[in-house]
């Protein structure tokens, strides 16, 4: 992979095989969980799970049969 300039930042293009194995899609977020001079470790951020956990923390039960689908919620 090659590091490229993207605005004022740097970017790395991920190979298709890696994207597929991680189940990534455009708009997904990754967290850097560890970094050294020779290695970067990332994890996929699951906002759906974070949201549902926050709902539980506030004791807001989801309606029966509720599923959270970002794409469906944003359809027009």
PDB file of N, CA and C in Angstrom:
ATOM      1  N   UNK A   1       0.843  -1.172   0.000  1.00  0.00           N
ATOM      2  CA  UNK A   1       0.000   0.000   0.000  1.00  0.00           C
ATOM      3  C   UNK A   1       0.888   1.234   0.000  1.00  0.00           C
ATOM      4  N   UNK A   2       0.341   2.292  -0.509  1.00  0.00           N
ATOM      5  CA  UNK A   2       1.089   3.532  -0.582  1.00  0.00           C
ATOM      6  C   UNK A   2       0.342   4.622   0.174  1.00  0.00           C
ATOM      7  N   UNK A   3       1.074   5.423   0.922  1.00  0.00           N
ATOM      8  CA  UNK A   3       0.484   6.557   1.632  1.00  0.00           C
ATOM      9  C   UNK A   3       0.344   7.699   0.635  1.00  0.00           C
ATOM     10  N   UNK A   4      -0.848   8.302   0.598  1.00  0.00           N
ATOM     11  CA  UNK A   4      -1.126   9.392  -0.336  1.00  0.00           C
ATOM     12  C   UNK A   4      -1.570  10.629   0.421  1.00  0.00           C
ATOM     13  N   UNK A   5      -1.424  11.783  -0.198  1.00  0.00           N
ATOM     14  CA  UNK A   5      -1.878  13.043   0.373  1.00  0.00           C
ATOM     15  C   UNK A   5      -3.364  13.185   0.066  1.00  0.00           C
ATOM     16  N   UNK A   6      -4.150  13.568   1.081  1.00  0.00           N
ATOM     17  CA  UNK A   6      -5.585  13.787   0.904  1.00  0.00           C
ATOM     18  C   UNK A   6      -5.924  15.055   1.663  1.00  0.00           C
ATOM     19  N   UNK A   7      -5.970  16.188   0.974  1.00  0.00           N
ATOM     20  CA  UNK A   7      -6.146  17.477   1.637  1.00  0.00           C
ATOM     21  C   UNK A   7      -4.924  17.746   2.495  1.00  0.00           C
ATOM     22  N   UNK A   8      -5.148  18.059   3.771  1.00  0.00           N
ATOM     23  CA  UNK A   8      -4.045  18.282   4.700  1.00  0.00           C
ATOM     24  C   UNK A   8      -3.659  17.002   5.434  1.00  0.00           C
ATOM     25  N   UNK A   9      -4.291  15.892   5.094  1.00  0.00           N
ATOM     26  CA  UNK A   9      -4.064  14.620   5.782  1.00  0.00           C
ATOM     27  C   UNK A   9      -3.356  13.635   4.871  1.00  0.00           C
ATOM     28  N   UNK A  10      -3.032  12.485   5.430  1.00  0.00           N
ATOM     29  CA  UNK A  10      -2.490  11.373   4.660  1.00  0.00           C
ATOM     30  C   UNK A  10      -3.511  10.250   4.670  1.00  0.00           C
ATOM     31  N   UNK A  11      -3.545   9.459   3.609  1.00  0.00           N
ATOM     32  CA  UNK A  11      -4.524   8.378   3.493  1.00  0.00           C
ATOM     33  C   UNK A  11      -3.855   7.123   2.961  1.00  0.00           C
ATOM     34  N   UNK A  12      -4.435   5.984   3.314  1.00  0.00           N
ATOM     35  CA  UNK A  12      -3.988   4.686   2.805  1.00  0.00           C
ATOM     36  C   UNK A  12      -5.191   4.008   2.184  1.00  0.00           C
ATOM     37  N   UNK A  13      -5.038   3.523   0.969  1.00  0.00           N
ATOM     38  CA  UNK A  13      -6.107   2.784   0.304  1.00  0.00           C
ATOM     39  C   UNK A  13      -6.014   1.328   0.729  1.00  0.00           C
ATOM     40  N   UNK A  14      -7.143   0.775   1.201  1.00  0.00           N
ATOM     41  CA  UNK A  14      -7.153  -0.609   1.681  1.00  0.00           C
ATOM     42  C   UNK A  14      -7.425  -1.568   0.528  1.00  0.00           C
ATOM     43  N   UNK A  15      -6.701  -2.668   0.470  1.00  0.00           N
ATOM     44  CA  UNK A  15      -6.932  -3.659  -0.582  1.00  0.00           C
ATOM     45  C   UNK A  15      -8.325  -4.300  -0.439  1.00  0.00           C
ATOM     46  N   UNK A  16      -8.892  -4.672  -1.564  1.00  0.00           N
ATOM     47  CA  UNK A  16     -10.238  -5.254  -1.595  1.00  0.00           C
ATOM     48  C   UNK A  16     -10.348  -6.473  -0.687  1.00  0.00           C
ATOM     49  N   UNK A  17      -9.345  -7.332  -0.664  1.00  0.00           N
ATOM     50  CA  UNK A  17      -9.398  -8.540   0.170  1.00  0.00           C
ATOM     51  C   UNK A  17      -9.511  -8.179   1.651  1.00  0.00           C
ATOM     52  N   UNK A  18      -8.789  -7.150   2.080  1.00  0.00           N
ATOM     53  CA  UNK A  18      -8.852  -6.723   3.474  1.00  0.00           C
ATOM     54  C   UNK A  18     -10.220  -6.120   3.793  1.00  0.00           C
ATOM     55  N   UNK A  19     -10.719  -5.294   2.889  1.00  0.00           N
ATOM     56  CA  UNK A  19     -12.043  -4.677   3.066  1.00  0.00           C
ATOM     57  C   UNK A  19     -13.112  -5.753   3.217  1.00  0.00           C
ATOM     58  N   UNK A  20     -13.055  -6.767   2.367  1.00  0.00           N
ATOM     59  CA  UNK A  20     -14.041  -7.846   2.425  1.00  0.00           C
ATOM     60  C   UNK A  20     -13.896  -8.664   3.708  1.00  0.00           C
ATOM     61  N   UNK A  21     -12.668  -8.949   4.119  1.00  0.00           N
ATOM     62  CA  UNK A  21     -12.481  -9.778   5.318  1.00  0.00           C
ATOM     63  C   UNK A  21     -12.927  -9.046   6.584  1.00  0.00           C
ATOM     64  N   UNK A  22     -12.818  -7.710   6.610  1.00  0.00           N
ATOM     65  CA  UNK A  22     -13.269  -6.930   7.760  1.00  0.00           C
ATOM     66  C   UNK A  22     -14.736  -6.537   7.655  1.00  0.00           C
ATOM     67  N   UNK A  23     -15.346  -6.773   6.507  1.00  0.00           N
ATOM     68  CA  UNK A  23     -16.744  -6.401   6.310  1.00  0.00           C
ATOM     69  C   UNK A  23     -16.935  -4.892   6.288  1.00  0.00           C
ATOM     70  N   UNK A  24     -15.981  -4.172   5.700  1.00  0.00           N
ATOM     71  CA  UNK A  24     -16.049  -2.714   5.667  1.00  0.00           C
ATOM     72  C   UNK A  24     -16.868  -2.223   4.488  1.00  0.00           C
ATOM     73  N   UNK A  25     -17.464  -1.049   4.665  1.00  0.00           N
ATOM     74  CA  UNK A  25     -18.197  -0.385   3.599  1.00  0.00           C
ATOM     75  C   UNK A  25     -17.892   1.104   3.684  1.00  0.00           C
ATOM     76  N   UNK A  26     -18.148   1.816   2.615  1.00  0.00           N
ATOM     77  CA  UNK A  26     -17.932   3.265   2.608  1.00  0.00           C
ATOM     78  C   UNK A  26     -18.701   3.891   3.763  1.00  0.00           C
ATOM     79  N   UNK A  27     -18.045   4.761   4.509  1.00  0.00           N
ATOM     80  CA  UNK A  27     -18.683   5.416   5.639  1.00  0.00           C
ATOM     81  C   UNK A  27     -18.424   4.749   6.981  1.00  0.00           C
ATOM     82  N   UNK A  28     -17.924   3.505   6.979  1.00  0.00           N
ATOM     83  CA  UNK A  28     -17.584   2.841   8.237  1.00  0.00           C
ATOM     84  C   UNK A  28     -16.423   3.570   8.900  1.00  0.00           C
ATOM     85  N   UNK A  29     -16.337   3.442  10.204  1.00  0.00           N
ATOM     86  CA  UNK A  29     -15.263   4.075  10.955  1.00  0.00           C
ATOM     87  C   UNK A  29     -14.350   3.018  11.550  1.00  0.00           C
ATOM     88  N   UNK A  30     -13.061   3.361  11.615  1.00  0.00           N
ATOM     89  CA  UNK A  30     -12.067   2.495  12.237  1.00  0.00           C
ATOM     90  C   UNK A  30     -11.433   3.248  13.392  1.00  0.00           C
ATOM     91  N   UNK A  31     -11.152   2.552  14.473  1.00  0.00           N
ATOM     92  CA  UNK A  31     -10.420   3.107  15.602  1.00  0.00           C
ATOM     93  C   UNK A  31      -9.013   2.547  15.588  1.00  0.00           C
ATOM     94  N   UNK A  32      -8.015   3.403  15.811  1.00  0.00           N
ATOM     95  CA  UNK A  32      -6.641   2.945  15.979  1.00  0.00           C
ATOM     96  C   UNK A  32      -6.520   2.507  17.429  1.00  0.00           C
ATOM     97  N   UNK A  33      -6.241   1.224  17.642  1.00  0.00           N
ATOM     98  CA  UNK A  33      -6.184   0.694  19.002  1.00  0.00           C
ATOM     99  C   UNK A  33      -4.750   0.520  19.500  1.00  0.00           C
ATOM    100  N   UNK A  34      -3.802   0.506  18.582  1.00  0.00           N
ATOM    101  CA  UNK A  34      -2.393   0.412  18.966  1.00  0.00           C
ATOM    102  C   UNK A  34      -1.546   0.899  17.796  1.00  0.00           C
ATOM    103  N   UNK A  35      -0.428   1.508  18.119  1.00  0.00           N
ATOM    104  CA  UNK A  35       0.477   1.971  17.065  1.00  0.00           C
ATOM    105  C   UNK A  35       1.898   1.964  17.580  1.00  0.00           C
ATOM    106  N   UNK A  36       2.807   1.594  16.690  1.00  0.00           N
ATOM    107  CA  UNK A  36       4.236   1.658  16.987  1.00  0.00           C
ATOM    108  C   UNK A  36       4.909   2.206  15.733  1.00  0.00           C
ATOM    109  N   UNK A  37       6.213   2.219  15.721  1.00  0.00           N
ATOM    110  CA  UNK A  37       6.925   2.731  14.538  1.00  0.00           C
ATOM    111  C   UNK A  37       6.726   1.846  13.311  1.00  0.00           C
ATOM    112  N   UNK A  38       6.394   0.583  13.513  1.00  0.00           N
ATOM    113  CA  UNK A  38       6.301  -0.350  12.391  1.00  0.00           C
ATOM    114  C   UNK A  38       4.928  -0.982  12.200  1.00  0.00           C
ATOM    115  N   UNK A  39       3.976  -0.681  13.103  1.00  0.00           N
ATOM    116  CA  UNK A  39       2.691  -1.385  13.039  1.00  0.00           C
ATOM    117  C   UNK A  39       1.560  -0.485  13.537  1.00  0.00           C
ATOM    118  N   UNK A  40       0.419  -0.601  12.875  1.00  0.00           N
ATOM    119  CA  UNK A  40      -0.805   0.066  13.311  1.00  0.00           C
ATOM    120  C   UNK A  40      -1.885  -0.997  13.418  1.00  0.00           C
ATOM    121  N   UNK A  41      -2.596  -1.015  14.542  1.00  0.00           N
ATOM    122  CA  UNK A  41      -3.688  -1.963  14.745  1.00  0.00           C
ATOM    123  C   UNK A  41      -4.984  -1.174  14.801  1.00  0.00           C
ATOM    124  N   UNK A  42      -5.949  -1.578  13.971  1.00  0.00           N
ATOM    125  CA  UNK A  42      -7.241  -0.892  13.935  1.00  0.00           C
ATOM    126  C   UNK A  42      -8.360  -1.877  14.196  1.00  0.00           C
ATOM    127  N   UNK A  43      -9.505  -1.335  14.613  1.00  0.00           N
ATOM    128  CA  UNK A  43     -10.703  -2.146  14.754  1.00  0.00           C
ATOM    129  C   UNK A  43     -11.866  -1.377  14.153  1.00  0.00           C
ATOM    130  N   UNK A  44     -12.827  -2.092  13.627  1.00  0.00           N
ATOM    131  CA  UNK A  44     -14.010  -1.469  13.060  1.00  0.00           C
ATOM    132  C   UNK A  44     -14.870  -0.938  14.200  1.00  0.00           C
ATOM    133  N   UNK A  45     -15.299   0.297  14.101  1.00  0.00           N
ATOM    134  CA  UNK A  45     -16.158   0.896  15.123  1.00  0.00           C
ATOM    135  C   UNK A  45     -17.591   0.525  14.800  1.00  0.00           C
ATOM    136  N   UNK A  46     -18.272  -0.068  15.754  1.00  0.00           N
ATOM    137  CA  UNK A  46     -19.658  -0.510  15.563  1.00  0.00           C
ATOM    138  C   UNK A  46     -20.598   0.474  16.257  1.00  0.00           C
ATOM    139  N   UNK A  47     -20.981   1.527  15.545  1.00  0.00           N
ATOM    140  CA  UNK A  47     -21.850   2.555  16.133  1.00  0.00           C
ATOM    141  C   UNK A  47     -23.216   1.984  16.516  1.00  0.00           C
ATOM    142  N   UNK A  48     -23.680   0.978  15.784  1.00  0.00           N
ATOM    143  CA  UNK A  48     -24.971   0.364  16.109  1.00  0.00           C
ATOM    144  C   UNK A  48     -24.924  -0.244  17.498  1.00  0.00           C
ATOM    145  N   UNK A  49     -23.875  -1.014  17.774  1.00  0.00           N
ATOM    146  CA  UNK A  49     -23.738  -1.648  19.084  1.00  0.00           C
ATOM    147  C   UNK A  49     -23.556  -0.595  20.177  1.00  0.00           C
ATOM    148  N   UNK A  50     -22.800   0.462  19.891  1.00  0.00           N
ATOM    149  CA  UNK A  50     -22.613   1.535  20.866  1.00  0.00           C
ATOM    150  C   UNK A  50     -23.942   2.202  21.201  1.00  0.00           C
ATOM    151  N   UNK A  51     -24.762   2.449  20.175  1.00  0.00           N
ATOM    152  CA  UNK A  51     -26.062   3.087  20.382  1.00  0.00           C
ATOM    153  C   UNK A  51     -26.983   2.202  21.222  1.00  0.00           C
ATOM    154  N   UNK A  52     -27.037   0.922  20.890  1.00  0.00           N
ATOM    155  CA  UNK A  52     -27.902   0.011  21.635  1.00  0.00           C
ATOM    156  C   UNK A  52     -27.432  -0.129  23.081  1.00  0.00           C
ATOM    157  N   UNK A  53     -26.121  -0.110  23.303  1.00  0.00           N
ATOM    158  CA  UNK A  53     -25.587  -0.171  24.661  1.00  0.00           C
ATOM    159  C   UNK A  53     -25.967   1.095  25.432  1.00  0.00           C
ATOM    160  N   UNK A  54     -25.915   2.242  24.771  1.00  0.00           N
ATOM    161  CA  UNK A  54     -26.305   3.503  25.414  1.00  0.00           C
ATOM    162  C   UNK A  54     -27.784   3.492  25.773  1.00  0.00           C
ATOM    163  N   UNK A  55     -28.604   2.925  24.905  1.00  0.00           N
ATOM    164  CA  UNK A  55     -30.034   2.814  25.198  1.00  0.00           C
ATOM    165  C   UNK A  55     -30.250   1.984  26.461  1.00  0.00           C
ATOM    166  N   UNK A  56     -29.512   0.887  26.592  1.00  0.00           N
ATOM    167  CA  UNK A  56     -29.630   0.039  27.773  1.00  0.00           C
ATOM    168  C   UNK A  56     -29.183   0.798  29.022  1.00  0.00           C
ATOM    169  N   UNK A  57     -28.121   1.597  28.889  1.00  0.00           N
ATOM    170  CA  UNK A  57     -27.604   2.348  30.035  1.00  0.00           C
ATOM    171  C   UNK A  57     -28.636   3.351  30.542  1.00  0.00           C
ATOM    172  N   UNK A  58     -29.437   3.896  29.637  1.00  0.00           N
ATOM    173  CA  UNK A  58     -30.468   4.854  30.030  1.00  0.00           C
ATOM    174  C   UNK A  58     -31.812   4.171  30.260  1.00  0.00           C
ATOM    175  N   UNK A  59     -31.790   2.851  30.191  1.00  0.00           N
ATOM    176  CA  UNK A  59     -32.994   2.041  30.405  1.00  0.00           C
ATOM    177  C   UNK A  59     -34.107   2.399  29.420  1.00  0.00           C
ATOM    178  N   UNK A  60     -33.699   2.666  28.179  1.00  0.00           N
ATOM    179  CA  UNK A  60     -34.656   2.900  27.104  1.00  0.00           C
ATOM    180  C   UNK A  60     -34.780   1.608  26.313  1.00  0.00           C
ATOM    181  N   UNK A  61     -35.762   0.797  26.620  1.00  0.00           N
ATOM    182  CA  UNK A  61     -35.878  -0.468  25.891  1.00  0.00           C
ATOM    183  C   UNK A  61     -36.282  -0.226  24.435  1.00  0.00           C
ATOM    184  N   UNK A  62     -35.719  -1.014  23.577  1.00  0.00           N
ATOM    185  CA  UNK A  62     -36.104  -0.943  22.170  1.00  0.00           C
ATOM    186  C   UNK A  62     -37.472  -1.596  22.001  1.00  0.00           C
ATOM    187  N   UNK A  63     -38.289  -1.092  21.072  1.00  0.00           N
ATOM    188  CA  UNK A  63     -39.583  -1.721  20.827  1.00  0.00           C
ATOM    189  C   UNK A  63     -39.405  -3.180  20.394  1.00  0.00           C
ATOM    190  N   UNK A  64     -40.406  -3.975  20.634  1.00  0.00           N
ATOM    191  CA  UNK A  64     -40.376  -5.398  20.266  1.00  0.00           C
ATOM    192  C   UNK A  64     -40.045  -5.553  18.783  1.00  0.00           C
ATOM    193  N   UNK A  65     -39.062  -6.368  18.478  1.00  0.00           N
ATOM    194  CA  UNK A  65     -38.680  -6.640  17.098  1.00  0.00           C
ATOM    195  C   UNK A  65     -37.877  -5.528  16.445  1.00  0.00           C
ATOM    196  N   UNK A  66     -37.390  -4.547  17.211  1.00  0.00           N
ATOM    197  CA  UNK A  66     -36.649  -3.401  16.683  1.00  0.00           C
ATOM    198  C   UNK A  66     -35.294  -3.834  16.153  1.00  0.00           C
ATOM    199  N   UNK A  67     -34.956  -3.360  14.971  1.00  0.00           N
ATOM    200  CA  UNK A  67     -33.620  -3.539  14.422  1.00  0.00           C
ATOM    201  C   UNK A  67     -33.139  -2.187  13.930  1.00  0.00           C
ATOM    202  N   UNK A  68     -31.859  -1.916  14.113  1.00  0.00           N
ATOM    203  CA  UNK A  68     -31.283  -0.646  13.703  1.00  0.00           C
ATOM    204  C   UNK A  68     -30.530  -0.866  12.412  1.00  0.00           C
ATOM    205  N   UNK A  69     -30.959  -0.194  11.350  1.00  0.00           N
ATOM    206  CA  UNK A  69     -30.325  -0.310  10.043  1.00  0.00           C
ATOM    207  C   UNK A  69     -30.065   1.100   9.527  1.00  0.00           C
ATOM    208  N   UNK A  70     -28.801   1.519   9.548  1.00  0.00           N
ATOM    209  CA  UNK A  70     -28.425   2.873   9.135  1.00  0.00           C
ATOM    210  C   UNK A  70     -28.892   3.172   7.721  1.00  0.00           C
ATOM    211  N   UNK A  71     -28.707   2.240   6.796  1.00  0.00           N
ATOM    212  CA  UNK A  71     -29.093   2.476   5.408  1.00  0.00           C
ATOM    213  C   UNK A  71     -30.607   2.641   5.291  1.00  0.00           C
ATOM    214  N   UNK A  72     -31.360   1.799   5.975  1.00  0.00           N
ATOM    215  CA  UNK A  72     -32.817   1.901   5.928  1.00  0.00           C
ATOM    216  C   UNK A  72     -33.311   3.213   6.552  1.00  0.00           C
ATOM    217  N   UNK A  73     -32.680   3.625   7.644  1.00  0.00           N
ATOM    218  CA  UNK A  73     -33.084   4.854   8.335  1.00  0.00           C
ATOM    219  C   UNK A  73     -32.842   6.077   7.458  1.00  0.00           C
ATOM    220  N   UNK A  74     -31.864   6.014   6.570  1.00  0.00           N
ATOM    221  CA  UNK A  74     -31.515   7.166   5.741  1.00  0.00           C
ATOM    222  C   UNK A  74     -32.086   7.108   4.324  1.00  0.00           C
ATOM    223  N   UNK A  75     -32.904   6.104   4.040  1.00  0.00           N
ATOM    224  CA  UNK A  75     -33.541   6.031   2.723  1.00  0.00           C
ATOM    225  C   UNK A  75     -34.521   7.177   2.561  1.00  0.00           C
ATOM    226  N   UNK A  76     -34.651   7.635   1.341  1.00  0.00           N
ATOM    227  CA  UNK A  76     -35.609   8.727   1.062  1.00  0.00           C
ATOM    228  C   UNK A  76     -36.551   8.319  -0.012  1.00  0.00           C
TER     229      UNK A  76
END
